[in-house]
Amino acid sequence: MEVTVNGIKDVTGTIRICLIDDDKSKFLNSCDHTYNIPVQGLSFSHQIDRLPPGLYCMSLYHDVNDDEQLSLDGLFGLPSEPYGFSNNPRSLIGPPRFKRCQFLLEKDCRLQIEL
């Protein structure tokens, strides 16, 4: 699977990727697979190998200050660091629903995520 992240505005910190299998209880609570990629440009692609086919959900954020946690000091406690999800769902209030982030991992799967 190839993941491309676009919309990086600050070439500092780390993109922290969380990939979970098809288990709604893990969504935004834990990760089955984590990947930490140092930011070196305004977009990047990362290859993830050796995952069995199936349903997954991906969340990620740009850890600008490299403190290993999503900063929630924005207006009304919203994230102040850029974040994104598989399928690029948007939500006006709170995080998107689990079902809107699910994707089927098959051979040659390619995801594009906008921060």
N, C-alpha and C. Protein backbone atom coordinates (compact mmCIF):
# COMPACT_ATOMS: atom_id res chain seq x y z
N MET A 1 0.85 -1.17 0.00
CA MET A 1 0.00 0.00 0.00
C MET A 1 0.89 1.23 0.00
N GLU A 2 0.52 2.20 -0.82
CA GLU A 2 1.24 3.47 -0.84
C GLU A 2 0.34 4.56 -0.28
N VAL A 3 0.86 5.30 0.67
CA VAL A 3 0.14 6.42 1.29
C VAL A 3 0.82 7.71 0.87
N THR A 4 0.06 8.63 0.31
CA THR A 4 0.57 9.94 -0.06
C THR A 4 -0.12 10.97 0.82
N VAL A 5 0.66 11.83 1.43
CA VAL A 5 0.13 12.89 2.29
C VAL A 5 0.43 14.23 1.63
N ASN A 6 -0.62 15.02 1.43
CA ASN A 6 -0.51 16.34 0.83
C ASN A 6 -0.99 17.40 1.81
N GLY A 7 -0.63 18.63 1.54
CA GLY A 7 -1.11 19.74 2.35
C GLY A 7 -0.25 20.06 3.55
N ILE A 8 0.97 19.56 3.57
CA ILE A 8 1.89 19.89 4.67
C ILE A 8 2.30 21.35 4.50
N LYS A 9 2.18 22.12 5.54
CA LYS A 9 2.47 23.56 5.46
C LYS A 9 3.77 23.96 6.14
N ASP A 10 4.30 23.10 6.99
CA ASP A 10 5.49 23.42 7.77
C ASP A 10 6.46 22.24 7.70
N VAL A 11 7.65 22.46 7.18
CA VAL A 11 8.61 21.38 7.00
C VAL A 11 9.40 21.18 8.29
N THR A 12 8.68 20.76 9.33
CA THR A 12 9.27 20.43 10.61
C THR A 12 8.49 19.26 11.19
N GLY A 13 9.02 18.63 12.19
CA GLY A 13 8.29 17.60 12.93
C GLY A 13 8.17 16.28 12.20
N THR A 14 7.11 15.53 12.55
CA THR A 14 6.93 14.16 12.11
C THR A 14 5.46 13.92 11.77
N ILE A 15 5.21 13.17 10.70
CA ILE A 15 3.86 12.69 10.41
C ILE A 15 3.71 11.37 11.16
N ARG A 16 2.70 11.27 12.00
CA ARG A 16 2.46 10.07 12.80
C ARG A 16 1.19 9.39 12.27
N ILE A 17 1.38 8.18 11.75
CA ILE A 17 0.31 7.42 11.11
C ILE A 17 -0.14 6.29 12.03
N CYS A 18 -1.44 6.15 12.17
CA CYS A 18 -2.06 5.07 12.94
C CYS A 18 -2.96 4.28 12.00
N LEU A 19 -2.71 2.99 11.91
CA LEU A 19 -3.50 2.11 11.06
C LEU A 19 -4.13 1.05 11.94
N ILE A 20 -5.45 0.91 11.85
CA ILE A 20 -6.15 -0.12 12.63
C ILE A 20 -6.90 -1.05 11.69
N ASP A 21 -7.12 -2.27 12.15
CA ASP A 21 -7.94 -3.19 11.38
C ASP A 21 -9.40 -2.81 11.58
N ASP A 22 -10.29 -3.60 11.07
CA ASP A 22 -11.72 -3.28 11.08
C ASP A 22 -12.33 -3.49 12.46
N ASP A 23 -11.94 -2.63 13.42
CA ASP A 23 -12.44 -2.73 14.78
C ASP A 23 -12.77 -1.32 15.27
N LYS A 24 -14.06 -1.00 15.27
CA LYS A 24 -14.53 0.34 15.62
C LYS A 24 -14.06 0.78 17.01
N SER A 25 -13.91 -0.16 17.94
CA SER A 25 -13.52 0.21 19.31
C SER A 25 -12.11 0.78 19.38
N LYS A 26 -11.27 0.49 18.38
CA LYS A 26 -9.90 1.01 18.37
C LYS A 26 -9.79 2.40 17.74
N PHE A 27 -10.82 2.81 17.00
CA PHE A 27 -10.77 4.06 16.25
C PHE A 27 -10.49 5.24 17.18
N LEU A 28 -9.39 5.91 16.97
CA LEU A 28 -8.91 7.06 17.73
C LEU A 28 -8.53 6.71 19.17
N ASN A 29 -8.42 5.41 19.48
CA ASN A 29 -8.03 4.98 20.82
C ASN A 29 -6.72 4.21 20.84
N SER A 30 -6.46 3.43 19.82
CA SER A 30 -5.23 2.63 19.77
C SER A 30 -4.86 2.38 18.32
N CYS A 31 -3.68 1.82 18.11
CA CYS A 31 -3.19 1.54 16.76
C CYS A 31 -2.69 0.10 16.68
N ASP A 32 -3.02 -0.55 15.56
CA ASP A 32 -2.44 -1.86 15.30
C ASP A 32 -1.06 -1.72 14.67
N HIS A 33 -0.89 -0.68 13.87
CA HIS A 33 0.38 -0.41 13.19
C HIS A 33 0.63 1.09 13.24
N THR A 34 1.84 1.47 13.62
CA THR A 34 2.20 2.89 13.65
C THR A 34 3.41 3.13 12.77
N TYR A 35 3.44 4.30 12.17
CA TYR A 35 4.54 4.70 11.31
C TYR A 35 4.82 6.16 11.61
N ASN A 36 6.09 6.49 11.80
CA ASN A 36 6.52 7.85 12.09
C ASN A 36 7.50 8.28 11.02
N ILE A 37 7.09 9.28 10.23
CA ILE A 37 7.90 9.71 9.10
C ILE A 37 8.31 11.17 9.30
N PRO A 38 9.61 11.44 9.39
CA PRO A 38 10.07 12.83 9.51
C PRO A 38 9.63 13.65 8.29
N VAL A 39 9.15 14.84 8.53
CA VAL A 39 8.70 15.72 7.45
C VAL A 39 9.93 16.32 6.77
N GLN A 40 9.97 16.14 5.43
CA GLN A 40 11.09 16.66 4.66
C GLN A 40 10.63 17.50 3.48
N GLY A 41 9.32 17.65 3.33
CA GLY A 41 8.79 18.43 2.22
C GLY A 41 7.31 18.71 2.44
N LEU A 42 6.68 19.33 1.45
CA LEU A 42 5.29 19.71 1.57
C LEU A 42 4.33 18.58 1.23
N SER A 43 4.86 17.46 0.76
CA SER A 43 4.10 16.23 0.55
C SER A 43 5.08 15.08 0.56
N PHE A 44 4.59 13.87 0.73
CA PHE A 44 5.45 12.70 0.67
C PHE A 44 4.61 11.46 0.42
N SER A 45 5.28 10.41 -0.01
CA SER A 45 4.66 9.10 -0.16
C SER A 45 5.43 8.11 0.68
N HIS A 46 4.71 7.16 1.25
CA HIS A 46 5.32 6.14 2.11
C HIS A 46 4.72 4.78 1.76
N GLN A 47 5.57 3.80 1.58
CA GLN A 47 5.14 2.45 1.25
C GLN A 47 4.96 1.64 2.53
N ILE A 48 3.79 1.00 2.68
CA ILE A 48 3.51 0.12 3.81
C ILE A 48 3.30 -1.27 3.25
N ASP A 49 4.15 -2.20 3.67
CA ASP A 49 4.11 -3.56 3.13
C ASP A 49 3.73 -4.57 4.20
N ARG A 50 3.47 -5.76 3.74
CA ARG A 50 3.23 -6.94 4.60
C ARG A 50 1.97 -6.85 5.45
N LEU A 51 0.94 -6.23 4.95
CA LEU A 51 -0.35 -6.23 5.63
C LEU A 51 -1.29 -7.16 4.88
N PRO A 52 -2.05 -7.98 5.59
CA PRO A 52 -3.00 -8.85 4.90
C PRO A 52 -4.15 -8.03 4.32
N PRO A 53 -4.73 -8.47 3.21
CA PRO A 53 -5.89 -7.78 2.66
C PRO A 53 -7.02 -7.73 3.68
N GLY A 54 -7.84 -6.69 3.59
CA GLY A 54 -8.98 -6.56 4.50
C GLY A 54 -9.37 -5.11 4.68
N LEU A 55 -10.29 -4.87 5.60
CA LEU A 55 -10.75 -3.53 5.91
C LEU A 55 -9.84 -2.89 6.97
N TYR A 56 -9.49 -1.64 6.74
CA TYR A 56 -8.64 -0.89 7.65
C TYR A 56 -9.17 0.53 7.78
N CYS A 57 -8.60 1.26 8.71
CA CYS A 57 -8.89 2.67 8.91
C CYS A 57 -7.57 3.36 9.27
N MET A 58 -7.30 4.50 8.68
CA MET A 58 -6.06 5.21 8.95
C MET A 58 -6.35 6.62 9.45
N SER A 59 -5.65 7.00 10.49
CA SER A 59 -5.66 8.38 10.94
C SER A 59 -4.20 8.82 11.03
N LEU A 60 -3.98 10.10 10.88
CA LEU A 60 -2.62 10.61 10.99
C LEU A 60 -2.66 12.07 11.41
N TYR A 61 -1.55 12.53 11.92
CA TYR A 61 -1.43 13.95 12.24
C TYR A 61 0.01 14.40 12.05
N HIS A 62 0.16 15.70 11.83
CA HIS A 62 1.47 16.30 11.69
C HIS A 62 1.90 16.81 13.06
N ASP A 63 2.79 16.07 13.69
CA ASP A 63 3.31 16.43 15.01
C ASP A 63 4.38 17.51 14.81
N VAL A 64 3.91 18.73 14.63
CA VAL A 64 4.79 19.85 14.30
C VAL A 64 5.84 20.06 15.38
N ASN A 65 5.46 19.98 16.65
CA ASN A 65 6.40 20.23 17.74
C ASN A 65 7.10 18.96 18.23
N ASP A 66 6.85 17.83 17.59
CA ASP A 66 7.51 16.55 17.89
C ASP A 66 7.39 16.14 19.36
N ASP A 67 6.22 16.37 19.96
CA ASP A 67 6.04 15.96 21.35
C ASP A 67 5.31 14.61 21.47
N GLU A 68 5.09 13.95 20.34
CA GLU A 68 4.48 12.62 20.26
C GLU A 68 3.02 12.58 20.69
N GLN A 69 2.32 13.71 20.61
CA GLN A 69 0.89 13.72 20.87
C GLN A 69 0.23 14.84 20.07
N LEU A 70 -1.01 14.61 19.69
CA LEU A 70 -1.77 15.61 18.96
C LEU A 70 -2.14 16.75 19.90
N SER A 71 -1.68 17.94 19.60
CA SER A 71 -1.96 19.10 20.45
C SER A 71 -3.42 19.51 20.30
N LEU A 72 -4.12 19.61 21.42
CA LEU A 72 -5.54 19.94 21.44
C LEU A 72 -5.78 21.30 22.09
N ASP A 73 -4.95 22.27 21.73
CA ASP A 73 -5.06 23.59 22.34
C ASP A 73 -5.65 24.62 21.39
N GLY A 74 -6.39 24.13 20.38
CA GLY A 74 -7.08 25.04 19.46
C GLY A 74 -8.39 25.52 20.07
N LEU A 75 -9.12 26.30 19.33
CA LEU A 75 -10.40 26.84 19.76
C LEU A 75 -11.33 25.71 20.20
N PHE A 76 -11.91 25.81 21.37
CA PHE A 76 -12.83 24.82 21.95
C PHE A 76 -12.19 23.44 22.11
N GLY A 77 -10.87 23.40 22.30
CA GLY A 77 -10.17 22.13 22.50
C GLY A 77 -9.95 21.32 21.24
N LEU A 78 -10.10 21.95 20.09
CA LEU A 78 -9.87 21.27 18.82
C LEU A 78 -8.37 21.12 18.57
N PRO A 79 -7.99 20.17 17.73
CA PRO A 79 -6.56 20.00 17.43
C PRO A 79 -5.97 21.27 16.81
N SER A 80 -4.79 21.63 17.27
CA SER A 80 -4.09 22.77 16.69
C SER A 80 -3.03 22.32 15.68
N GLU A 81 -2.83 21.00 15.58
CA GLU A 81 -1.90 20.46 14.59
C GLU A 81 -2.73 19.81 13.49
N PRO A 82 -2.24 19.88 12.24
CA PRO A 82 -2.97 19.30 11.11
C PRO A 82 -3.15 17.79 11.26
N TYR A 83 -4.29 17.29 10.78
CA TYR A 83 -4.59 15.86 10.87
C TYR A 83 -5.39 15.44 9.64
N GLY A 84 -5.52 14.14 9.46
CA GLY A 84 -6.30 13.62 8.35
C GLY A 84 -6.69 12.17 8.58
N PHE A 85 -7.57 11.68 7.72
CA PHE A 85 -8.08 10.31 7.81
C PHE A 85 -8.15 9.70 6.43
N SER A 86 -8.12 8.38 6.37
CA SER A 86 -8.34 7.70 5.10
C SER A 86 -9.71 8.11 4.55
N ASN A 87 -9.79 8.27 3.25
CA ASN A 87 -10.99 8.72 2.51
C ASN A 87 -11.26 10.21 2.66
N ASN A 88 -10.45 10.92 3.43
CA ASN A 88 -10.56 12.37 3.59
C ASN A 88 -11.95 12.86 3.99
N PRO A 89 -12.62 12.20 4.92
CA PRO A 89 -13.94 12.70 5.35
C PRO A 89 -13.77 13.98 6.16
N ARG A 90 -14.72 14.85 6.07
CA ARG A 90 -14.70 16.07 6.87
C ARG A 90 -15.92 16.07 7.78
N SER A 91 -15.76 16.67 8.93
CA SER A 91 -16.84 16.73 9.90
C SER A 91 -16.83 18.11 10.53
N LEU A 92 -17.99 18.70 10.67
CA LEU A 92 -18.08 20.03 11.27
C LEU A 92 -17.91 19.98 12.79
N ILE A 93 -18.38 18.89 13.40
CA ILE A 93 -18.31 18.78 14.85
C ILE A 93 -17.69 17.43 15.19
N GLY A 94 -16.52 17.45 15.80
CA GLY A 94 -15.87 16.21 16.22
C GLY A 94 -15.24 15.45 15.08
N PRO A 95 -14.62 14.32 15.40
CA PRO A 95 -13.97 13.52 14.37
C PRO A 95 -14.99 12.85 13.47
N PRO A 96 -14.58 12.43 12.27
CA PRO A 96 -15.51 11.73 11.38
C PRO A 96 -15.89 10.37 11.95
N ARG A 97 -16.94 9.82 11.44
CA ARG A 97 -17.38 8.49 11.86
C ARG A 97 -16.45 7.42 11.31
N PHE A 98 -16.31 6.36 12.06
CA PHE A 98 -15.45 5.24 11.71
C PHE A 98 -15.73 4.73 10.30
N LYS A 99 -16.99 4.50 9.97
CA LYS A 99 -17.37 3.94 8.67
C LYS A 99 -16.91 4.82 7.51
N ARG A 100 -16.85 6.12 7.72
CA ARG A 100 -16.44 7.02 6.64
C ARG A 100 -14.93 6.97 6.38
N CYS A 101 -14.18 6.38 7.30
CA CYS A 101 -12.72 6.29 7.16
C CYS A 101 -12.25 4.92 6.70
N GLN A 102 -13.13 3.94 6.69
CA GLN A 102 -12.74 2.57 6.32
C GLN A 102 -12.35 2.50 4.84
N PHE A 103 -11.38 1.64 4.56
CA PHE A 103 -11.00 1.36 3.18
C PHE A 103 -10.62 -0.10 3.07
N LEU A 104 -10.75 -0.64 1.88
CA LEU A 104 -10.41 -2.03 1.61
C LEU A 104 -8.99 -2.08 1.08
N LEU A 105 -8.12 -2.76 1.82
CA LEU A 105 -6.74 -2.94 1.39
C LEU A 105 -6.69 -4.14 0.45
N GLU A 106 -6.32 -3.87 -0.78
CA GLU A 106 -6.12 -4.89 -1.79
C GLU A 106 -4.75 -4.65 -2.42
N LYS A 107 -4.36 -5.53 -3.29
CA LYS A 107 -3.08 -5.37 -3.99
C LYS A 107 -3.03 -4.01 -4.69
N ASP A 108 -1.90 -3.36 -4.59
CA ASP A 108 -1.66 -2.06 -5.22
C ASP A 108 -2.59 -0.95 -4.72
N CYS A 109 -2.98 -1.01 -3.47
CA CYS A 109 -3.83 0.02 -2.86
C CYS A 109 -3.04 1.32 -2.73
N ARG A 110 -3.68 2.43 -3.08
CA ARG A 110 -3.06 3.75 -2.95
C ARG A 110 -4.03 4.68 -2.24
N LEU A 111 -3.54 5.31 -1.18
CA LEU A 111 -4.35 6.29 -0.43
C LEU A 111 -3.72 7.66 -0.60
N GLN A 112 -4.57 8.67 -0.73
CA GLN A 112 -4.11 10.06 -0.72
C GLN A 112 -4.85 10.73 0.43
N ILE A 113 -4.10 11.33 1.32
CA ILE A 113 -4.70 11.99 2.48
C ILE A 113 -4.29 13.46 2.48
N GLU A 114 -5.29 14.30 2.65
CA GLU A 114 -5.08 15.75 2.72
C GLU A 114 -5.10 16.18 4.17
N LEU A 115 -4.10 16.96 4.57
CA LEU A 115 -4.09 17.52 5.92
C LEU A 115 -4.93 18.79 5.94
